[in-house]
N, C-alpha and C. Protein backbone atom coordinates (compact mmCIF):
# COMPACT_ATOMS: atom_id res chain seq x y z
N MET A 1 45.35 -36.29 27.18
CA MET A 1 43.97 -36.62 26.92
C MET A 1 43.19 -36.49 28.23
N ALA A 2 42.24 -35.61 28.25
CA ALA A 2 41.43 -35.41 29.46
C ALA A 2 40.40 -36.52 29.60
N ILE A 3 40.22 -36.97 30.82
CA ILE A 3 39.21 -37.98 31.11
C ILE A 3 37.88 -37.27 31.27
N PRO A 4 36.85 -37.68 30.49
CA PRO A 4 35.56 -37.01 30.64
C PRO A 4 34.98 -37.22 32.03
N LYS A 5 34.32 -36.19 32.54
CA LYS A 5 33.70 -36.27 33.86
C LYS A 5 32.21 -36.00 33.70
N PHE A 6 31.40 -36.69 34.49
CA PHE A 6 29.95 -36.56 34.43
C PHE A 6 29.43 -36.24 35.82
N ALA A 7 28.64 -35.20 35.92
CA ALA A 7 28.11 -34.77 37.21
C ALA A 7 27.02 -35.73 37.68
N GLY A 8 26.80 -35.75 38.97
CA GLY A 8 25.76 -36.60 39.53
C GLY A 8 25.49 -36.22 40.97
N SER A 9 24.59 -36.98 41.58
CA SER A 9 24.28 -36.75 43.00
C SER A 9 23.79 -38.04 43.61
N ILE A 10 23.92 -38.11 44.92
CA ILE A 10 23.44 -39.28 45.65
C ILE A 10 22.02 -38.98 46.09
N THR A 11 21.14 -39.95 45.89
CA THR A 11 19.72 -39.77 46.17
C THR A 11 19.15 -41.07 46.72
N THR A 12 17.85 -41.14 46.85
CA THR A 12 17.18 -42.35 47.29
C THR A 12 16.30 -42.87 46.16
N SER A 13 16.27 -44.18 46.00
CA SER A 13 15.40 -44.81 45.02
C SER A 13 14.70 -45.95 45.74
N GLY A 14 13.41 -45.76 46.04
CA GLY A 14 12.71 -46.74 46.85
C GLY A 14 13.31 -46.77 48.24
N SER A 15 13.73 -47.95 48.68
CA SER A 15 14.35 -48.05 50.00
C SER A 15 15.87 -48.17 49.91
N SER A 16 16.42 -47.88 48.71
CA SER A 16 17.87 -47.98 48.50
C SER A 16 18.48 -46.60 48.25
N GLU A 17 19.77 -46.51 48.48
CA GLU A 17 20.51 -45.32 48.08
C GLU A 17 20.84 -45.50 46.60
N ALA A 18 20.96 -44.40 45.87
CA ALA A 18 21.25 -44.46 44.44
C ALA A 18 22.16 -43.31 44.05
N ILE A 19 22.84 -43.47 42.94
CA ILE A 19 23.67 -42.40 42.40
C ILE A 19 23.07 -42.02 41.05
N ARG A 20 22.68 -40.78 40.92
CA ARG A 20 22.16 -40.25 39.65
C ARG A 20 23.33 -39.64 38.90
N LEU A 21 23.43 -39.94 37.62
CA LEU A 21 24.51 -39.39 36.80
C LEU A 21 23.92 -38.69 35.57
N ASP A 22 24.63 -37.70 35.08
CA ASP A 22 24.23 -36.94 33.91
C ASP A 22 23.90 -37.87 32.75
N LYS A 23 22.80 -37.61 32.06
CA LYS A 23 22.34 -38.45 30.95
C LYS A 23 23.39 -38.53 29.83
N LYS A 24 24.25 -37.54 29.74
CA LYS A 24 25.29 -37.54 28.71
C LYS A 24 26.20 -38.77 28.84
N LEU A 25 26.45 -39.22 30.08
CA LEU A 25 27.26 -40.43 30.28
C LEU A 25 26.65 -41.60 29.52
N PHE A 26 25.35 -41.77 29.64
CA PHE A 26 24.68 -42.92 29.05
C PHE A 26 24.55 -42.79 27.53
N ARG A 27 24.49 -41.55 27.04
CA ARG A 27 24.45 -41.33 25.59
C ARG A 27 25.81 -41.62 24.97
N THR A 28 26.86 -41.20 25.64
CA THR A 28 28.21 -41.39 25.09
C THR A 28 28.78 -42.77 25.38
N HIS A 29 28.20 -43.48 26.36
CA HIS A 29 28.67 -44.83 26.71
C HIS A 29 27.47 -45.76 26.83
N PRO A 30 26.93 -46.20 25.70
CA PRO A 30 25.72 -47.02 25.72
C PRO A 30 25.90 -48.38 26.41
N GLU A 31 27.14 -48.77 26.69
CA GLU A 31 27.34 -50.02 27.42
C GLU A 31 26.75 -49.95 28.82
N PHE A 32 26.50 -48.73 29.31
CA PHE A 32 25.87 -48.55 30.62
C PHE A 32 24.37 -48.32 30.49
N ARG A 33 23.73 -49.05 29.58
CA ARG A 33 22.28 -48.89 29.38
C ARG A 33 21.52 -49.38 30.60
N GLN A 34 20.24 -49.01 30.67
CA GLN A 34 19.41 -49.41 31.81
C GLN A 34 19.38 -50.91 31.97
N LYS A 35 19.31 -51.33 33.21
CA LYS A 35 19.23 -52.73 33.64
C LYS A 35 20.54 -53.50 33.46
N THR A 36 21.60 -52.83 33.00
CA THR A 36 22.91 -53.47 32.90
C THR A 36 23.45 -53.65 34.31
N LYS A 37 24.01 -54.81 34.60
CA LYS A 37 24.57 -55.06 35.92
C LYS A 37 25.94 -54.40 36.03
N VAL A 38 26.14 -53.67 37.13
CA VAL A 38 27.41 -53.00 37.39
C VAL A 38 27.87 -53.32 38.80
N GLN A 39 29.12 -53.05 39.08
CA GLN A 39 29.64 -53.17 40.43
C GLN A 39 30.45 -51.92 40.73
N ALA A 40 30.47 -51.53 41.97
CA ALA A 40 31.23 -50.37 42.40
C ALA A 40 32.38 -50.84 43.29
N SER A 41 33.57 -50.37 43.00
CA SER A 41 34.75 -50.70 43.80
C SER A 41 35.32 -49.41 44.35
N VAL A 42 35.45 -49.33 45.68
CA VAL A 42 36.07 -48.17 46.30
C VAL A 42 37.57 -48.32 46.11
N ILE A 43 38.18 -47.40 45.36
CA ILE A 43 39.61 -47.52 45.05
C ILE A 43 40.46 -46.57 45.89
N ALA A 44 39.83 -45.62 46.57
CA ALA A 44 40.50 -44.70 47.49
C ALA A 44 39.40 -43.92 48.20
N THR A 45 39.76 -43.24 49.25
CA THR A 45 38.79 -42.42 49.97
C THR A 45 38.19 -41.40 48.99
N GLY A 46 36.87 -41.43 48.85
CA GLY A 46 36.21 -40.49 47.95
C GLY A 46 36.27 -40.85 46.49
N LYS A 47 36.78 -42.03 46.14
CA LYS A 47 36.91 -42.45 44.74
C LYS A 47 36.27 -43.81 44.55
N VAL A 48 35.35 -43.90 43.57
CA VAL A 48 34.66 -45.16 43.26
C VAL A 48 34.83 -45.44 41.77
N LEU A 49 35.10 -46.69 41.44
CA LEU A 49 35.19 -47.13 40.06
C LEU A 49 33.97 -47.99 39.78
N ILE A 50 33.16 -47.60 38.81
CA ILE A 50 31.97 -48.37 38.44
C ILE A 50 32.29 -49.15 37.18
N SER A 51 32.09 -50.48 37.22
CA SER A 51 32.42 -51.35 36.11
C SER A 51 31.22 -52.22 35.75
N LEU A 52 31.17 -52.62 34.48
CA LEU A 52 30.16 -53.57 34.06
C LEU A 52 30.49 -54.92 34.68
N VAL A 53 29.48 -55.69 35.02
CA VAL A 53 29.68 -57.04 35.54
C VAL A 53 29.68 -57.98 34.35
N ASP A 54 30.74 -58.75 34.23
CA ASP A 54 30.85 -59.72 33.15
C ASP A 54 30.44 -61.08 33.70
N ASP A 55 29.30 -61.59 33.24
CA ASP A 55 28.78 -62.85 33.75
C ASP A 55 29.28 -64.08 33.01
N THR A 56 30.22 -63.91 32.07
CA THR A 56 30.69 -65.07 31.33
C THR A 56 31.51 -65.97 32.25
N PRO A 57 31.49 -67.29 32.02
CA PRO A 57 32.24 -68.22 32.88
C PRO A 57 33.73 -67.88 32.98
N ALA A 58 34.35 -67.43 31.89
CA ALA A 58 35.78 -67.11 31.92
C ALA A 58 36.05 -65.94 32.85
N ALA A 59 35.12 -65.00 32.94
CA ALA A 59 35.33 -63.82 33.78
C ALA A 59 35.22 -64.14 35.26
N THR A 60 34.52 -65.20 35.61
CA THR A 60 34.33 -65.53 37.01
C THR A 60 35.36 -66.51 37.55
N THR A 61 36.25 -67.03 36.70
CA THR A 61 37.22 -68.01 37.16
C THR A 61 38.39 -67.38 37.89
N GLU A 62 38.78 -66.16 37.53
CA GLU A 62 39.91 -65.50 38.16
C GLU A 62 39.46 -64.17 38.73
N GLU A 63 39.91 -63.88 39.93
CA GLU A 63 39.60 -62.58 40.52
C GLU A 63 40.52 -61.55 39.89
N SER A 64 39.97 -60.40 39.54
CA SER A 64 40.79 -59.36 38.95
C SER A 64 40.74 -58.11 39.81
N ASP A 65 41.68 -57.23 39.57
CA ASP A 65 41.76 -55.97 40.30
C ASP A 65 41.10 -54.89 39.45
N PRO A 66 40.03 -54.28 39.93
CA PRO A 66 39.33 -53.30 39.10
C PRO A 66 40.18 -52.10 38.71
N LEU A 67 41.13 -51.71 39.54
CA LEU A 67 41.98 -50.59 39.22
C LEU A 67 42.96 -50.96 38.10
N VAL A 68 43.52 -52.15 38.17
CA VAL A 68 44.42 -52.61 37.10
C VAL A 68 43.63 -52.78 35.81
N ASP A 69 42.43 -53.36 35.90
CA ASP A 69 41.58 -53.51 34.72
C ASP A 69 41.27 -52.16 34.08
N ALA A 70 40.95 -51.16 34.90
CA ALA A 70 40.65 -49.82 34.38
C ALA A 70 41.88 -49.23 33.69
N PHE A 71 43.05 -49.38 34.30
CA PHE A 71 44.28 -48.84 33.70
C PHE A 71 44.57 -49.54 32.38
N LEU A 72 44.44 -50.86 32.34
CA LEU A 72 44.72 -51.59 31.11
C LEU A 72 43.73 -51.22 30.00
N SER A 73 42.48 -51.00 30.37
CA SER A 73 41.47 -50.56 29.40
C SER A 73 41.84 -49.18 28.86
N PHE A 74 42.23 -48.26 29.75
CA PHE A 74 42.66 -46.92 29.34
C PHE A 74 43.85 -47.03 28.39
N LEU A 75 44.81 -47.88 28.74
CA LEU A 75 46.01 -48.06 27.93
C LEU A 75 45.66 -48.61 26.55
N ALA A 76 44.78 -49.61 26.51
CA ALA A 76 44.37 -50.20 25.23
C ALA A 76 43.67 -49.17 24.35
N ASP A 77 42.78 -48.38 24.94
CA ASP A 77 42.10 -47.33 24.18
C ASP A 77 43.10 -46.31 23.64
N ASP A 78 44.06 -45.92 24.48
CA ASP A 78 45.05 -44.93 24.06
C ASP A 78 45.91 -45.48 22.93
N ILE A 79 46.27 -46.74 22.99
CA ILE A 79 47.07 -47.35 21.92
C ILE A 79 46.28 -47.36 20.62
N LEU A 80 45.00 -47.71 20.69
CA LEU A 80 44.16 -47.74 19.48
C LEU A 80 43.94 -46.34 18.90
N ASN A 81 43.72 -45.36 19.79
CA ASN A 81 43.39 -44.01 19.33
C ASN A 81 44.61 -43.14 19.03
N ASN A 82 45.77 -43.51 19.55
CA ASN A 82 46.98 -42.69 19.37
C ASN A 82 48.20 -43.56 19.06
N PRO A 83 48.17 -44.33 17.98
CA PRO A 83 49.30 -45.24 17.71
C PRO A 83 50.63 -44.53 17.51
N ALA A 84 50.61 -43.26 17.17
CA ALA A 84 51.86 -42.53 16.97
C ALA A 84 52.63 -42.34 18.28
N ARG A 85 51.95 -42.50 19.41
CA ARG A 85 52.62 -42.35 20.71
C ARG A 85 53.45 -43.58 21.09
N ILE A 86 53.26 -44.68 20.40
CA ILE A 86 53.98 -45.91 20.73
C ILE A 86 55.44 -45.76 20.32
N ALA A 87 56.34 -46.07 21.24
CA ALA A 87 57.77 -45.95 20.95
C ALA A 87 58.50 -47.10 21.62
N ALA A 88 59.58 -47.50 21.02
CA ALA A 88 60.41 -48.57 21.59
C ALA A 88 61.13 -48.05 22.83
N LEU A 89 61.39 -48.98 23.76
CA LEU A 89 62.21 -48.60 24.92
C LEU A 89 63.62 -48.30 24.45
N PRO A 90 64.25 -47.30 25.04
CA PRO A 90 65.65 -47.04 24.68
C PRO A 90 66.52 -48.26 25.03
N LYS A 91 67.53 -48.51 24.19
CA LYS A 91 68.41 -49.66 24.40
C LYS A 91 69.09 -49.60 25.78
N SER A 92 69.34 -48.40 26.29
CA SER A 92 69.99 -48.27 27.60
C SER A 92 69.11 -48.83 28.71
N ILE A 93 67.81 -48.63 28.62
CA ILE A 93 66.89 -49.15 29.65
C ILE A 93 66.80 -50.67 29.54
N VAL A 94 66.76 -51.19 28.31
CA VAL A 94 66.72 -52.65 28.12
C VAL A 94 67.99 -53.27 28.68
N ALA A 95 69.15 -52.67 28.41
CA ALA A 95 70.42 -53.20 28.91
C ALA A 95 70.47 -53.16 30.43
N ARG A 96 70.03 -52.05 31.03
CA ARG A 96 70.03 -51.92 32.50
C ARG A 96 69.09 -52.94 33.13
N SER A 97 67.91 -53.13 32.55
CA SER A 97 66.95 -54.11 33.07
C SER A 97 67.51 -55.52 32.99
N SER A 98 68.14 -55.83 31.87
CA SER A 98 68.74 -57.16 31.70
C SER A 98 69.83 -57.40 32.74
N LYS A 99 70.63 -56.38 32.99
CA LYS A 99 71.71 -56.51 33.98
C LYS A 99 71.13 -56.72 35.39
N LEU A 100 70.07 -55.97 35.74
CA LEU A 100 69.45 -56.11 37.06
C LEU A 100 68.83 -57.49 37.26
N ALA A 101 68.35 -58.10 36.18
CA ALA A 101 67.63 -59.37 36.30
C ALA A 101 68.48 -60.58 35.91
N GLN A 102 69.76 -60.40 35.65
CA GLN A 102 70.56 -61.49 35.12
C GLN A 102 70.69 -62.70 36.05
N ASN A 103 70.66 -62.51 37.35
CA ASN A 103 70.84 -63.63 38.29
C ASN A 103 69.51 -64.11 38.88
N ILE A 104 68.41 -63.65 38.36
CA ILE A 104 67.10 -64.05 38.88
C ILE A 104 66.62 -65.26 38.09
N VAL A 105 66.30 -66.32 38.82
CA VAL A 105 65.79 -67.54 38.20
C VAL A 105 64.30 -67.65 38.52
N VAL A 106 63.47 -67.81 37.50
CA VAL A 106 62.02 -67.94 37.70
C VAL A 106 61.50 -69.15 36.94
N SER A 107 60.34 -69.58 37.36
CA SER A 107 59.70 -70.73 36.74
C SER A 107 58.21 -70.46 36.64
N ASP A 108 57.55 -71.06 35.68
CA ASP A 108 56.09 -70.94 35.56
C ASP A 108 55.40 -71.55 36.78
N GLU A 109 56.11 -72.38 37.52
CA GLU A 109 55.55 -73.02 38.70
C GLU A 109 55.65 -72.15 39.96
N ASP A 110 56.41 -71.04 39.89
CA ASP A 110 56.56 -70.15 41.04
C ASP A 110 55.22 -69.50 41.38
N HIS A 111 54.97 -69.34 42.68
CA HIS A 111 53.74 -68.69 43.14
C HIS A 111 54.10 -67.45 43.93
N ILE A 112 53.35 -66.39 43.70
CA ILE A 112 53.55 -65.16 44.46
C ILE A 112 52.75 -65.27 45.75
N PRO A 113 53.38 -65.05 46.90
CA PRO A 113 52.66 -65.17 48.16
C PRO A 113 51.48 -64.19 48.24
N GLU A 114 50.47 -64.56 49.01
CA GLU A 114 49.25 -63.76 49.15
C GLU A 114 49.51 -62.37 49.70
N ASP A 115 50.55 -62.22 50.57
CA ASP A 115 50.79 -60.93 51.20
C ASP A 115 51.62 -59.97 50.35
N VAL A 116 51.95 -60.36 49.12
CA VAL A 116 52.72 -59.50 48.22
C VAL A 116 51.75 -58.65 47.42
N THR A 117 51.99 -57.35 47.39
CA THR A 117 51.16 -56.43 46.62
C THR A 117 51.91 -56.02 45.37
N LEU A 118 51.24 -56.10 44.26
CA LEU A 118 51.87 -55.68 42.99
C LEU A 118 51.44 -54.29 42.62
């Protein structure tokens, strides 16, 4: 499944820098209507992820990773649009994973240190 791409350019709007994007983006994705609050996250050199800002109290309680959020959104859309692609893990992978994790003890109280990257 190809990811749609929309052309644009960097310009000036008043005393601010702005990014102009093809009107087709806004026609095909009305969630990005005018005056909608968005945020831009630099995810790599030359790569920006633009996301809607969710002002609900639940959304502001936990910090999220915009790249993980984007991947999970892509995955959810793909599952909804292509349910035939869903397949069970082979039993051999489940058995190998169980064997690798058999001596690991975890608790809901365990905390992942700040310097660990997932």
